[in-house]
């Protein structure tokens, strides 16, 4: 199969091990973008392309240049609104994203941050360094157990299900709000389906694991946060746009709830952003899923599905865009490495 390869903003070394990159180049006829004018490059190579590894815009005019195209792999891992999905569905072109590679790393970080919120691990560590620690029971007045507690998960896709598996030994009662999944399906997965307000009001730990859509952007606002129990914990692990950050920081600053977040409305966050000084918040600079293991798994899954496609079988390792939902997704695209980020 002929492959057009243009993974930016991902770097090749991030997503392919040397062995799998060699496999890609030896097994397929790969044409790699090398920084030249993209319009001319695509116009020259799309007519013979069968597999496209790229997250560049693919509107109807570009798709028309690719009569042999069978699949688009978005290794940025989001279904961005820069593809004419209707035309892809009409022609039977698979649009694929290996976003599930981040599920286990994000779930582990969510679990760790939940334990730190519940036991104030991060707070007492900072106090210890400043010589202000509180010993024994004095340092545990606001602490509580995750074990046997009540957990609500907003969004039960790859991230939510991965977190649920990690929570199993803790014996938590787990409720889920996910309007894209029927109640019976959620029950068969071992969780209790509830509506949004019931989830916010009924749980000590609330994990936000949902992708952002036209339906849920900003749904965790002042009203929703006001439903939470005093001292309850909210962990934002998926997309910042699901939350009204002004209301979130106000709720945390008031001391009524505790908050952990791995994502922010603007990234990287300005050094002088006042959120940095808000108490009762635990911060992580969007690093929950950013592990070498997860990024290299992108290449592994792409190769798995390319092998299936070469044998005229349907892809299974990556998530396929669905006609009913893809137009409603509003994930923020991954940016290239920020200029002030040495990594």
C-alpha atoms as a PDB file:
ATOM      1  CA  UNK A   1       0.000   0.000   0.000  1.00  0.00           C
ATOM      2  CA  UNK A   2       1.119   3.546  -0.710  1.00  0.00           C
ATOM      3  CA  UNK A   3       1.303   5.749   2.371  1.00  0.00           C
ATOM      4  CA  UNK A   4       1.541   9.523   2.659  1.00  0.00           C
ATOM      5  CA  UNK A   5       3.173  10.262   6.006  1.00  0.00           C
ATOM      6  CA  UNK A   6       2.883  13.703   7.653  1.00  0.00           C
ATOM      7  CA  UNK A   7       2.510  13.279  11.456  1.00  0.00           C
ATOM      8  CA  UNK A   8       3.032  16.899  12.586  1.00  0.00           C
ATOM      9  CA  UNK A   9       2.583  18.054  15.365  1.00  0.00           C
ATOM     10  CA  UNK A  10       3.684  14.610  16.509  1.00  0.00           C
ATOM     11  CA  UNK A  11       7.342  13.784  15.929  1.00  0.00           C
ATOM     12  CA  UNK A  12       8.215  10.469  14.314  1.00  0.00           C
ATOM     13  CA  UNK A  13      10.523   9.518  17.187  1.00  0.00           C
ATOM     14  CA  UNK A  14       7.635  10.059  19.632  1.00  0.00           C
ATOM     15  CA  UNK A  15       5.183   7.691  18.018  1.00  0.00           C
ATOM     16  CA  UNK A  16       7.327   5.003  16.393  1.00  0.00           C
ATOM     17  CA  UNK A  17      10.062   2.940  17.959  1.00  0.00           C
ATOM     18  CA  UNK A  18      13.077   2.481  15.648  1.00  0.00           C
ATOM     19  CA  UNK A  19      11.958  -1.092  15.005  1.00  0.00           C
ATOM     20  CA  UNK A  20       8.380  -0.166  14.111  1.00  0.00           C
ATOM     21  CA  UNK A  21       9.497   2.757  11.960  1.00  0.00           C
ATOM     22  CA  UNK A  22      11.723   0.370  10.026  1.00  0.00           C
ATOM     23  CA  UNK A  23       8.743  -1.981   9.679  1.00  0.00           C
ATOM     24  CA  UNK A  24       6.558   0.834   8.345  1.00  0.00           C
ATOM     25  CA  UNK A  25       9.142   1.823   5.739  1.00  0.00           C
ATOM     26  CA  UNK A  26       9.971  -1.722   4.680  1.00  0.00           C
ATOM     27  CA  UNK A  27       6.427  -3.073   4.455  1.00  0.00           C
ATOM     28  CA  UNK A  28       4.793  -0.088   2.711  1.00  0.00           C
ATOM     29  CA  UNK A  29       5.680   2.429   0.034  1.00  0.00           C
ATOM     30  CA  UNK A  30       5.983   5.518   2.228  1.00  0.00           C
ATOM     31  CA  UNK A  31       6.218   9.099   0.981  1.00  0.00           C
ATOM     32  CA  UNK A  32       7.221  11.426   3.805  1.00  0.00           C
ATOM     33  CA  UNK A  33       6.558  15.151   4.023  1.00  0.00           C
ATOM     34  CA  UNK A  34       9.890  16.910   4.562  1.00  0.00           C
ATOM     35  CA  UNK A  35       8.844  20.501   5.163  1.00  0.00           C
ATOM     36  CA  UNK A  36       8.047  21.550   1.592  1.00  0.00           C
ATOM     37  CA  UNK A  37       4.927  23.429   0.520  1.00  0.00           C
ATOM     38  CA  UNK A  38       2.086  21.192   1.694  1.00  0.00           C
ATOM     39  CA  UNK A  39      -0.441  22.105  -0.980  1.00  0.00           C
ATOM     40  CA  UNK A  40       1.951  21.142  -3.762  1.00  0.00           C
ATOM     41  CA  UNK A  41       3.146  18.056  -1.875  1.00  0.00           C
ATOM     42  CA  UNK A  42      -0.394  16.787  -1.315  1.00  0.00           C
ATOM     43  CA  UNK A  43      -1.471  17.604  -4.857  1.00  0.00           C
ATOM     44  CA  UNK A  44       1.473  15.609  -6.185  1.00  0.00           C
ATOM     45  CA  UNK A  45       1.115  12.531  -3.980  1.00  0.00           C
ATOM     46  CA  UNK A  46      -2.558  12.181  -3.028  1.00  0.00           C
ATOM     47  CA  UNK A  47      -3.610  10.642  -6.381  1.00  0.00           C
ATOM     48  CA  UNK A  48      -1.687   7.441  -5.557  1.00  0.00           C
ATOM     49  CA  UNK A  49      -2.157   7.501  -1.758  1.00  0.00           C
ATOM     50  CA  UNK A  50      -4.061   4.637  -0.138  1.00  0.00           C
ATOM     51  CA  UNK A  51      -3.228   5.362   3.505  1.00  0.00           C
ATOM     52  CA  UNK A  52      -2.855   8.879   4.872  1.00  0.00           C
ATOM     53  CA  UNK A  53      -1.109   9.383   8.232  1.00  0.00           C
ATOM     54  CA  UNK A  54      -1.816  13.040   8.848  1.00  0.00           C
ATOM     55  CA  UNK A  55      -4.040  15.496  10.668  1.00  0.00           C
ATOM     56  CA  UNK A  56      -3.806  18.189   8.023  1.00  0.00           C
ATOM     57  CA  UNK A  57      -7.099  19.533   6.595  1.00  0.00           C
ATOM     58  CA  UNK A  58      -8.843  17.115   4.264  1.00  0.00           C
ATOM     59  CA  UNK A  59     -11.723  19.052   2.803  1.00  0.00           C
ATOM     60  CA  UNK A  60     -13.657  17.877  -0.243  1.00  0.00           C
ATOM     61  CA  UNK A  61     -11.165  19.362  -2.705  1.00  0.00           C
ATOM     62  CA  UNK A  62      -8.236  17.433  -1.229  1.00  0.00           C
ATOM     63  CA  UNK A  63     -10.243  14.256  -0.907  1.00  0.00           C
ATOM     64  CA  UNK A  64     -11.130  14.557  -4.586  1.00  0.00           C
ATOM     65  CA  UNK A  65      -7.407  14.333  -5.355  1.00  0.00           C
ATOM     66  CA  UNK A  66      -7.206  10.929  -3.619  1.00  0.00           C
ATOM     67  CA  UNK A  67      -9.389   8.435  -5.511  1.00  0.00           C
ATOM     68  CA  UNK A  68      -7.521   5.450  -4.010  1.00  0.00           C
ATOM     69  CA  UNK A  69      -7.660   6.629  -0.372  1.00  0.00           C
ATOM     70  CA  UNK A  70      -8.828   3.948   2.062  1.00  0.00           C
ATOM     71  CA  UNK A  71      -7.980   5.349   5.503  1.00  0.00           C
ATOM     72  CA  UNK A  72      -6.850   8.478   7.327  1.00  0.00           C
ATOM     73  CA  UNK A  73      -4.924   7.936  10.572  1.00  0.00           C
ATOM     74  CA  UNK A  74      -4.958  10.985  12.814  1.00  0.00           C
ATOM     75  CA  UNK A  75      -1.936  10.381  15.064  1.00  0.00           C
ATOM     76  CA  UNK A  76      -2.661  13.654  16.841  1.00  0.00           C
ATOM     77  CA  UNK A  77      -5.443  11.376  18.231  1.00  0.00           C
ATOM     78  CA  UNK A  78      -8.418  13.751  18.082  1.00  0.00           C
ATOM     79  CA  UNK A  79     -11.217  13.840  15.534  1.00  0.00           C
ATOM     80  CA  UNK A  80     -10.736  17.442  14.461  1.00  0.00           C
ATOM     81  CA  UNK A  81     -13.311  19.428  12.455  1.00  0.00           C
ATOM     82  CA  UNK A  82     -10.884  19.779   9.534  1.00  0.00           C
ATOM     83  CA  UNK A  83     -12.013  16.680   7.629  1.00  0.00           C
ATOM     84  CA  UNK A  84     -15.008  16.337   5.329  1.00  0.00           C
ATOM     85  CA  UNK A  85     -16.344  13.367   7.268  1.00  0.00           C
ATOM     86  CA  UNK A  86     -19.511  13.107   5.207  1.00  0.00           C
ATOM     87  CA  UNK A  87     -17.467  12.611   2.061  1.00  0.00           C
ATOM     88  CA  UNK A  88     -15.263  10.056   3.819  1.00  0.00           C
ATOM     89  CA  UNK A  89     -18.315   8.108   4.969  1.00  0.00           C
ATOM     90  CA  UNK A  90     -19.824   8.316   1.473  1.00  0.00           C
ATOM     91  CA  UNK A  91     -16.660   6.860  -0.054  1.00  0.00           C
ATOM     92  CA  UNK A  92     -16.018   4.307   2.683  1.00  0.00           C
ATOM     93  CA  UNK A  93     -12.791   5.958   3.851  1.00  0.00           C
ATOM     94  CA  UNK A  94     -11.974   5.043   7.447  1.00  0.00           C
ATOM     95  CA  UNK A  95     -11.039   8.013   9.645  1.00  0.00           C
ATOM     96  CA  UNK A  96      -9.128   6.621  12.608  1.00  0.00           C
ATOM     97  CA  UNK A  97      -7.581   7.949  15.818  1.00  0.00           C
ATOM     98  CA  UNK A  98      -5.571   5.904  18.353  1.00  0.00           C
ATOM     99  CA  UNK A  99      -6.666   8.037  21.308  1.00  0.00           C
ATOM    100  CA  UNK A 100      -7.249   5.024  23.557  1.00  0.00           C
ATOM    101  CA  UNK A 101      -3.476   4.783  24.093  1.00  0.00           C
ATOM    102  CA  UNK A 102      -3.818   7.511  26.738  1.00  0.00           C
ATOM    103  CA  UNK A 103      -6.541   5.781  28.763  1.00  0.00           C
ATOM    104  CA  UNK A 104      -4.376   3.833  31.217  1.00  0.00           C
ATOM    105  CA  UNK A 105      -1.869   6.651  31.884  1.00  0.00           C
ATOM    106  CA  UNK A 106      -4.635   9.215  32.469  1.00  0.00           C
ATOM    107  CA  UNK A 107      -6.549   6.816  34.709  1.00  0.00           C
ATOM    108  CA  UNK A 108      -3.471   6.159  36.844  1.00  0.00           C
ATOM    109  CA  UNK A 109      -2.835   9.878  37.232  1.00  0.00           C
ATOM    110  CA  UNK A 110      -6.497  10.422  38.136  1.00  0.00           C
ATOM    111  CA  UNK A 111      -6.246   7.770  40.836  1.00  0.00           C
ATOM    112  CA  UNK A 112      -3.045   9.275  42.220  1.00  0.00           C
ATOM    113  CA  UNK A 113      -4.489  12.783  42.282  1.00  0.00           C
ATOM    114  CA  UNK A 114      -7.661  11.543  43.962  1.00  0.00           C
ATOM    115  CA  UNK A 115      -5.648   9.937  46.749  1.00  0.00           C
ATOM    116  CA  UNK A 116      -3.626  13.108  47.172  1.00  0.00           C
ATOM    117  CA  UNK A 117      -6.779  15.245  47.394  1.00  0.00           C
ATOM    118  CA  UNK A 118      -8.368  12.862  49.875  1.00  0.00           C
ATOM    119  CA  UNK A 119      -5.321  12.683  52.146  1.00  0.00           C
ATOM    120  CA  UNK A 120      -3.732  16.073  51.325  1.00  0.00           C
ATOM    121  CA  UNK A 121      -0.464  14.395  50.395  1.00  0.00           C
ATOM    122  CA  UNK A 122       0.617  17.326  48.236  1.00  0.00           C
ATOM    123  CA  UNK A 123      -0.362  19.909  50.841  1.00  0.00           C
ATOM    124  CA  UNK A 124       1.464  18.280  53.723  1.00  0.00           C
ATOM    125  CA  UNK A 125       4.533  17.716  51.540  1.00  0.00           C
ATOM    126  CA  UNK A 126       4.680  21.464  50.822  1.00  0.00           C
ATOM    127  CA  UNK A 127       4.080  22.226  54.509  1.00  0.00           C
ATOM    128  CA  UNK A 128       6.871  19.848  55.526  1.00  0.00           C
ATOM    129  CA  UNK A 129       9.354  21.586  53.221  1.00  0.00           C
ATOM    130  CA  UNK A 130       8.365  24.900  54.794  1.00  0.00           C
ATOM    131  CA  UNK A 131       8.661  23.516  58.335  1.00  0.00           C
ATOM    132  CA  UNK A 132       4.914  23.908  58.893  1.00  0.00           C
ATOM    133  CA  UNK A 133       3.801  20.267  58.863  1.00  0.00           C
ATOM    134  CA  UNK A 134       1.103  18.908  61.150  1.00  0.00           C
ATOM    135  CA  UNK A 135       1.862  15.559  62.775  1.00  0.00           C
ATOM    136  CA  UNK A 136      -0.398  12.525  63.220  1.00  0.00           C
ATOM    137  CA  UNK A 137      -4.122  13.280  63.685  1.00  0.00           C
ATOM    138  CA  UNK A 138      -3.555  17.038  63.496  1.00  0.00           C
ATOM    139  CA  UNK A 139      -2.589  16.668  59.845  1.00  0.00           C
ATOM    140  CA  UNK A 140      -5.591  14.514  58.981  1.00  0.00           C
ATOM    141  CA  UNK A 141      -8.580  16.543  60.125  1.00  0.00           C
ATOM    142  CA  UNK A 142      -9.895  16.961  56.576  1.00  0.00           C
ATOM    143  CA  UNK A 143      -8.706  13.586  55.253  1.00  0.00           C
ATOM    144  CA  UNK A 144     -10.994  10.779  54.121  1.00  0.00           C
ATOM    145  CA  UNK A 145     -10.715   7.402  52.443  1.00  0.00           C
ATOM    146  CA  UNK A 146     -11.243   6.619  48.818  1.00  0.00           C
ATOM    147  CA  UNK A 147     -11.870   3.020  49.818  1.00  0.00           C
ATOM    148  CA  UNK A 148     -15.581   2.398  50.249  1.00  0.00           C
ATOM    149  CA  UNK A 149     -16.451   5.908  49.152  1.00  0.00           C
ATOM    150  CA  UNK A 150     -18.818   7.117  46.423  1.00  0.00           C
ATOM    151  CA  UNK A 151     -17.423   7.903  42.978  1.00  0.00           C
ATOM    152  CA  UNK A 152     -19.046   9.609  40.013  1.00  0.00           C
ATOM    153  CA  UNK A 153     -17.535   9.404  36.535  1.00  0.00           C
ATOM    154  CA  UNK A 154     -18.602  11.825  33.816  1.00  0.00           C
ATOM    155  CA  UNK A 155     -17.966  10.122  30.495  1.00  0.00           C
ATOM    156  CA  UNK A 156     -17.539   6.360  30.230  1.00  0.00           C
ATOM    157  CA  UNK A 157     -15.400   6.013  27.150  1.00  0.00           C
ATOM    158  CA  UNK A 158     -11.827   4.730  27.162  1.00  0.00           C
ATOM    159  CA  UNK A 159     -10.717   7.001  30.019  1.00  0.00           C
ATOM    160  CA  UNK A 160     -13.711   6.373  32.252  1.00  0.00           C
ATOM    161  CA  UNK A 161     -13.625   2.600  31.792  1.00  0.00           C
ATOM    162  CA  UNK A 162      -9.893   2.473  32.478  1.00  0.00           C
ATOM    163  CA  UNK A 163     -10.383   4.418  35.707  1.00  0.00           C
ATOM    164  CA  UNK A 164     -13.246   2.123  36.754  1.00  0.00           C
ATOM    165  CA  UNK A 165     -10.968  -0.905  36.422  1.00  0.00           C
ATOM    166  CA  UNK A 166      -8.351   0.732  38.654  1.00  0.00           C
ATOM    167  CA  UNK A 167     -10.981   1.554  41.277  1.00  0.00           C
ATOM    168  CA  UNK A 168     -12.137  -2.050  41.637  1.00  0.00           C
ATOM    169  CA  UNK A 169      -9.959  -2.899  44.692  1.00  0.00           C
ATOM    170  CA  UNK A 170     -11.233   0.178  46.532  1.00  0.00           C
ATOM    171  CA  UNK A 171     -14.818  -1.106  46.672  1.00  0.00           C
ATOM    172  CA  UNK A 172     -16.353   2.223  45.706  1.00  0.00           C
ATOM    173  CA  UNK A 173     -19.952   2.692  44.688  1.00  0.00           C
ATOM    174  CA  UNK A 174     -19.585   3.997  41.137  1.00  0.00           C
ATOM    175  CA  UNK A 175     -22.139   6.108  39.316  1.00  0.00           C
ATOM    176  CA  UNK A 176     -21.781   7.228  35.693  1.00  0.00           C
ATOM    177  CA  UNK A 177     -23.289   9.988  33.607  1.00  0.00           C
ATOM    178  CA  UNK A 178     -22.836   9.425  29.872  1.00  0.00           C
ATOM    179  CA  UNK A 179     -25.746  10.413  27.604  1.00  0.00           C
ATOM    180  CA  UNK A 180     -24.184   8.566  24.656  1.00  0.00           C
ATOM    181  CA  UNK A 181     -24.521   5.196  26.418  1.00  0.00           C
ATOM    182  CA  UNK A 182     -27.863   3.561  27.318  1.00  0.00           C
ATOM    183  CA  UNK A 183     -28.532   2.755  30.982  1.00  0.00           C
ATOM    184  CA  UNK A 184     -28.708  -0.987  30.311  1.00  0.00           C
ATOM    185  CA  UNK A 185     -25.277  -0.953  28.692  1.00  0.00           C
ATOM    186  CA  UNK A 186     -23.796   0.884  31.685  1.00  0.00           C
ATOM    187  CA  UNK A 187     -25.397  -1.576  34.106  1.00  0.00           C
ATOM    188  CA  UNK A 188     -23.874  -4.487  32.195  1.00  0.00           C
ATOM    189  CA  UNK A 189     -20.481  -2.820  32.627  1.00  0.00           C
ATOM    190  CA  UNK A 190     -21.011  -2.816  36.392  1.00  0.00           C
ATOM    191  CA  UNK A 191     -21.805   0.842  37.077  1.00  0.00           C
ATOM    192  CA  UNK A 192     -24.939   2.704  38.104  1.00  0.00           C
ATOM    193  CA  UNK A 193     -26.286   5.104  35.447  1.00  0.00           C
ATOM    194  CA  UNK A 194     -27.552   8.423  36.830  1.00  0.00           C
ATOM    195  CA  UNK A 195     -28.384  11.860  35.505  1.00  0.00           C
ATOM    196  CA  UNK A 196     -25.902  14.711  35.700  1.00  0.00           C
ATOM    197  CA  UNK A 197     -27.333  16.482  38.731  1.00  0.00           C
ATOM    198  CA  UNK A 198     -27.591  13.270  40.733  1.00  0.00           C
ATOM    199  CA  UNK A 199     -23.976  12.452  39.994  1.00  0.00           C
ATOM    200  CA  UNK A 200     -22.724  15.890  41.032  1.00  0.00           C
ATOM    201  CA  UNK A 201     -24.749  15.843  44.258  1.00  0.00           C
ATOM    202  CA  UNK A 202     -24.305  12.227  45.275  1.00  0.00           C
ATOM    203  CA  UNK A 203     -20.557  11.553  45.257  1.00  0.00           C
ATOM    204  CA  UNK A 204     -17.480  12.406  47.270  1.00  0.00           C
ATOM    205  CA  UNK A 205     -15.250  12.028  44.197  1.00  0.00           C
ATOM    206  CA  UNK A 206     -16.296  13.318  40.771  1.00  0.00           C
ATOM    207  CA  UNK A 207     -14.019  12.475  37.837  1.00  0.00           C
ATOM    208  CA  UNK A 208     -14.461  14.389  34.580  1.00  0.00           C
ATOM    209  CA  UNK A 209     -13.312  11.955  31.871  1.00  0.00           C
ATOM    210  CA  UNK A 210     -15.513  13.054  28.955  1.00  0.00           C
ATOM    211  CA  UNK A 211     -14.464  14.489  25.631  1.00  0.00           C
ATOM    212  CA  UNK A 212     -15.876  17.916  24.850  1.00  0.00           C
ATOM    213  CA  UNK A 213     -18.868  18.035  22.534  1.00  0.00           C
ATOM    214  CA  UNK A 214     -21.422  20.587  21.379  1.00  0.00           C
ATOM    215  CA  UNK A 215     -23.645  19.237  24.162  1.00  0.00           C
ATOM    216  CA  UNK A 216     -21.377  19.410  27.208  1.00  0.00           C
ATOM    217  CA  UNK A 217     -19.060  22.397  26.748  1.00  0.00           C
ATOM    218  CA  UNK A 218     -19.083  24.388  29.986  1.00  0.00           C
ATOM    219  CA  UNK A 219     -21.627  22.122  31.644  1.00  0.00           C
ATOM    220  CA  UNK A 220     -19.714  22.072  34.930  1.00  0.00           C
ATOM    221  CA  UNK A 221     -20.606  25.619  35.901  1.00  0.00           C
ATOM    222  CA  UNK A 222     -21.433  27.436  39.133  1.00  0.00           C
ATOM    223  CA  UNK A 223     -24.836  25.745  39.349  1.00  0.00           C
ATOM    224  CA  UNK A 224     -23.369  22.258  38.891  1.00  0.00           C
ATOM    225  CA  UNK A 225     -20.523  22.884  41.331  1.00  0.00           C
ATOM    226  CA  UNK A 226     -23.054  24.163  43.848  1.00  0.00           C
ATOM    227  CA  UNK A 227     -24.643  20.716  43.866  1.00  0.00           C
ATOM    228  CA  UNK A 228     -21.478  19.080  45.197  1.00  0.00           C
ATOM    229  CA  UNK A 229     -21.198  18.023  48.817  1.00  0.00           C
ATOM    230  CA  UNK A 230     -19.054  20.194  51.127  1.00  0.00           C
ATOM    231  CA  UNK A 231     -15.474  18.942  50.960  1.00  0.00           C
ATOM    232  CA  UNK A 232     -16.156  16.765  47.903  1.00  0.00           C
ATOM    233  CA  UNK A 233     -13.461  16.401  45.261  1.00  0.00           C
ATOM    234  CA  UNK A 234     -13.610  17.162  41.545  1.00  0.00           C
ATOM    235  CA  UNK A 235     -10.891  15.864  39.239  1.00  0.00           C
ATOM    236  CA  UNK A 236     -10.685  17.292  35.715  1.00  0.00           C
ATOM    237  CA  UNK A 237      -8.711  14.811  33.626  1.00  0.00           C
ATOM    238  CA  UNK A 238     -10.006  15.103  30.058  1.00  0.00           C
ATOM    239  CA  UNK A 239     -10.821  18.493  28.513  1.00  0.00           C
ATOM    240  CA  UNK A 240     -10.806  21.941  30.067  1.00  0.00           C
ATOM    241  CA  UNK A 241     -13.700  23.189  27.937  1.00  0.00           C
ATOM    242  CA  UNK A 242     -16.119  20.949  29.854  1.00  0.00           C
ATOM    243  CA  UNK A 243     -15.700  23.286  32.832  1.00  0.00           C
ATOM    244  CA  UNK A 244     -16.340  26.963  33.510  1.00  0.00           C
ATOM    245  CA  UNK A 245     -12.917  27.660  35.012  1.00  0.00           C
ATOM    246  CA  UNK A 246     -13.914  30.923  36.682  1.00  0.00           C
ATOM    247  CA  UNK A 247     -16.602  29.084  38.623  1.00  0.00           C
ATOM    248  CA  UNK A 248     -14.261  26.167  39.327  1.00  0.00           C
ATOM    249  CA  UNK A 249     -11.551  28.351  40.819  1.00  0.00           C
ATOM    250  CA  UNK A 250     -14.086  30.322  42.840  1.00  0.00           C
ATOM    251  CA  UNK A 251     -15.521  27.113  44.302  1.00  0.00           C
ATOM    252  CA  UNK A 252     -12.054  25.879  45.205  1.00  0.00           C
ATOM    253  CA  UNK A 253     -10.958  29.222  46.660  1.00  0.00           C
ATOM    254  CA  UNK A 254     -14.017  29.270  48.895  1.00  0.00           C
ATOM    255  CA  UNK A 255     -12.875  26.012  50.485  1.00  0.00           C
ATOM    256  CA  UNK A 256     -16.210  24.324  49.839  1.00  0.00           C
ATOM    257  CA  UNK A 257     -14.751  21.703  47.441  1.00  0.00           C
ATOM    258  CA  UNK A 258     -11.331  20.357  46.580  1.00  0.00           C
ATOM    259  CA  UNK A 259     -10.165  20.352  42.949  1.00  0.00           C
ATOM    260  CA  UNK A 260      -7.472  18.661  40.880  1.00  0.00           C
ATOM    261  CA  UNK A 261      -6.880  19.445  37.226  1.00  0.00           C
ATOM    262  CA  UNK A 262      -4.528  18.196  34.540  1.00  0.00           C
ATOM    263  CA  UNK A 263      -5.867  20.554  31.844  1.00  0.00           C
ATOM    264  CA  UNK A 264      -6.373  24.300  31.440  1.00  0.00           C
ATOM    265  CA  UNK A 265      -8.238  26.647  29.083  1.00  0.00           C
ATOM    266  CA  UNK A 266      -4.915  28.047  27.818  1.00  0.00           C
ATOM    267  CA  UNK A 267      -1.809  25.886  27.621  1.00  0.00           C
ATOM    268  CA  UNK A 268       0.868  26.466  28.631  1.00  0.00           C
ATOM    269  CA  UNK A 269      -0.659  28.484  31.440  1.00  0.00           C
ATOM    270  CA  UNK A 270       0.772  32.030  31.743  1.00  0.00           C
ATOM    271  CA  UNK A 271       3.200  32.334  34.628  1.00  0.00           C
ATOM    272  CA  UNK A 272       1.159  35.152  36.176  1.00  0.00           C
ATOM    273  CA  UNK A 273      -2.235  33.438  35.910  1.00  0.00           C
ATOM    274  CA  UNK A 274      -4.007  33.964  39.263  1.00  0.00           C
ATOM    275  CA  UNK A 275      -5.200  30.355  39.309  1.00  0.00           C
ATOM    276  CA  UNK A 276      -1.695  29.371  40.438  1.00  0.00           C
ATOM    277  CA  UNK A 277      -2.396  30.907  43.848  1.00  0.00           C
ATOM    278  CA  UNK A 278      -5.828  29.360  44.412  1.00  0.00           C
ATOM    279  CA  UNK A 279      -5.896  27.143  47.536  1.00  0.00           C
ATOM    280  CA  UNK A 280      -7.552  23.730  47.607  1.00  0.00           C
ATOM    281  CA  UNK A 281      -6.372  22.954  44.051  1.00  0.00           C
ATOM    282  CA  UNK A 282      -3.916  20.317  42.889  1.00  0.00           C
ATOM    283  CA  UNK A 283      -2.286  21.074  39.543  1.00  0.00           C
ATOM    284  CA  UNK A 284      -0.696  18.938  36.839  1.00  0.00           C
ATOM    285  CA  UNK A 285       0.589  20.576  33.612  1.00  0.00           C
ATOM    286  CA  UNK A 286      -1.296  18.351  31.131  1.00  0.00           C
ATOM    287  CA  UNK A 287       1.083  15.461  31.707  1.00  0.00           C
ATOM    288  CA  UNK A 288      -1.310  12.673  32.667  1.00  0.00           C
ATOM    289  CA  UNK A 289      -1.139  10.939  29.305  1.00  0.00           C
ATOM    290  CA  UNK A 290       2.235  12.198  28.132  1.00  0.00           C
ATOM    291  CA  UNK A 291       4.264   9.036  28.607  1.00  0.00           C
ATOM    292  CA  UNK A 292       6.698   7.490  26.152  1.00  0.00           C
ATOM    293  CA  UNK A 293       4.752   4.239  26.497  1.00  0.00           C
ATOM    294  CA  UNK A 294       1.509   5.861  25.378  1.00  0.00           C
ATOM    295  CA  UNK A 295       3.007   7.808  22.485  1.00  0.00           C
ATOM    296  CA  UNK A 296       4.839   4.766  21.127  1.00  0.00           C
ATOM    297  CA  UNK A 297       1.584   2.812  21.359  1.00  0.00           C
ATOM    298  CA  UNK A 298       0.216   5.198  18.718  1.00  0.00           C
ATOM    299  CA  UNK A 299       2.614   3.756  16.155  1.00  0.00           C
ATOM    300  CA  UNK A 300       1.906   0.213  17.279  1.00  0.00           C
ATOM    301  CA  UNK A 301      -1.842   0.604  16.793  1.00  0.00           C
ATOM    302  CA  UNK A 302      -1.469   2.329  13.438  1.00  0.00           C
ATOM    303  CA  UNK A 303       0.656  -0.558  12.173  1.00  0.00           C
ATOM    304  CA  UNK A 304      -1.841  -3.105  13.502  1.00  0.00           C
ATOM    305  CA  UNK A 305      -4.717  -1.502  11.617  1.00  0.00           C
ATOM    306  CA  UNK A 306      -2.641  -0.974   8.478  1.00  0.00           C
ATOM    307  CA  UNK A 307      -1.922  -4.689   8.455  1.00  0.00           C
ATOM    308  CA  UNK A 308      -5.652  -5.436   8.715  1.00  0.00           C
ATOM    309  CA  UNK A 309      -6.450  -3.002   5.914  1.00  0.00           C
ATOM    310  CA  UNK A 310      -3.769  -4.559   3.714  1.00  0.00           C
ATOM    311  CA  UNK A 311      -5.630  -7.877   4.151  1.00  0.00           C
ATOM    312  CA  UNK A 312      -9.000  -6.253   3.409  1.00  0.00           C
ATOM    313  CA  UNK A 313     -10.159  -6.523   7.016  1.00  0.00           C
ATOM    314  CA  UNK A 314     -11.717  -3.729   9.108  1.00  0.00           C
ATOM    315  CA  UNK A 315      -9.480  -1.771  11.522  1.00  0.00           C
ATOM    316  CA  UNK A 316      -9.899  -2.545  15.227  1.00  0.00           C
ATOM    317  CA  UNK A 317      -6.888  -1.057  17.080  1.00  0.00           C
ATOM    318  CA  UNK A 318      -7.854   2.589  16.524  1.00  0.00           C
ATOM    319  CA  UNK A 319     -11.178   4.281  17.131  1.00  0.00           C
ATOM    320  CA  UNK A 320     -13.231   4.952  14.017  1.00  0.00           C
ATOM    321  CA  UNK A 321     -15.056   8.225  13.484  1.00  0.00           C
ATOM    322  CA  UNK A 322     -18.807   7.663  13.657  1.00  0.00           C
ATOM    323  CA  UNK A 323     -21.199   9.620  11.466  1.00  0.00           C
ATOM    324  CA  UNK A 324     -23.627  10.164  14.348  1.00  0.00           C
ATOM    325  CA  UNK A 325     -21.121  11.739  16.760  1.00  0.00           C
ATOM    326  CA  UNK A 326     -17.987  13.059  15.051  1.00  0.00           C
ATOM    327  CA  UNK A 327     -19.547  16.383  14.045  1.00  0.00           C
ATOM    328  CA  UNK A 328     -20.387  17.050  17.707  1.00  0.00           C
ATOM    329  CA  UNK A 329     -16.830  16.672  19.036  1.00  0.00           C
ATOM    330  CA  UNK A 330     -14.942  19.804  20.022  1.00  0.00           C
ATOM    331  CA  UNK A 331     -11.556  18.662  21.324  1.00  0.00           C
ATOM    332  CA  UNK A 332      -8.733  21.164  21.359  1.00  0.00           C
ATOM    333  CA  UNK A 333      -5.959  20.146  18.938  1.00  0.00           C
ATOM    334  CA  UNK A 334      -2.568  19.151  20.270  1.00  0.00           C
ATOM    335  CA  UNK A 335      -0.042  21.931  19.777  1.00  0.00           C
ATOM    336  CA  UNK A 336       3.566  21.598  18.836  1.00  0.00           C
ATOM    337  CA  UNK A 337       6.034  21.845  21.734  1.00  0.00           C
ATOM    338  CA  UNK A 338       5.743  25.380  23.193  1.00  0.00           C
ATOM    339  CA  UNK A 339       8.772  27.614  22.624  1.00  0.00           C
ATOM    340  CA  UNK A 340       9.461  27.904  26.371  1.00  0.00           C
ATOM    341  CA  UNK A 341       9.237  24.135  26.891  1.00  0.00           C
ATOM    342  CA  UNK A 342      12.718  22.540  26.758  1.00  0.00           C
ATOM    343  CA  UNK A 343      11.205  19.087  26.259  1.00  0.00           C
END
